[in-house]
């Protein structure tokens, strides 16, 4: 049932894609449903190009016939579609279970619009229960672990894991996330942290499916 909901949300989001768009493709099991749905539309004649947030997403996109460009050469993206580990009514999200949050945030920042897709289990009253991933330069591992522990983040290094950039990921779980913006600012200020999974301004809308019913959530003031 969860996979059915992921697919339903993905199909609804992919309907926003139009001919000529440059589309950002996220990472993870839910994003994979969107990539496959978009591949079906491309096979039916939709003319688009894409950039991807991980090697895995790039491989899948090419398999389903989506032309993939090197994001290093791209300044602007029309629309990004991605999953989330948690999302609330403010369109605040936690992302990064798949380890691609740094690339995902860069692509989202370049996008005119970002859509999150999720099954109903990912919708929460307020974000904070999910693990908050932090991407760390290997050189800074010990220092960053100590600082995160001092901040109450209960850091846990992902065992035998490296991102596509060759960096480490530390999963944190703060006892409270009452002020996500303050937490994001704290993390961004720590030397050695390259990125984190708090998406507080990037998400414009979300398609969330529960028991086959898709609802649409729009961030206040977001571009349509």
Foldseek 3Di string as FASTA:
>chain_A
DFLLQLLLQLLVVLVPDAAPFEEEQEDDDSSLSNLLNNLVVVVVPRHYAYEYLAPVSVVSNVVSPHHYDHCVVDQAGAEYEYEFQAAELQRKTFDQPVPRQLSVVVNLVRYLAYEYEGEPVRYDHDDAADWKKWWFAPVCVVVVVVVCVVVQFPWDWDPPDAGPVRTTIITTHHPDCPDVVVVLVVQVPDPGTSDIGTDRPRHAKYWYGYPRDTDIRGRVPRDD
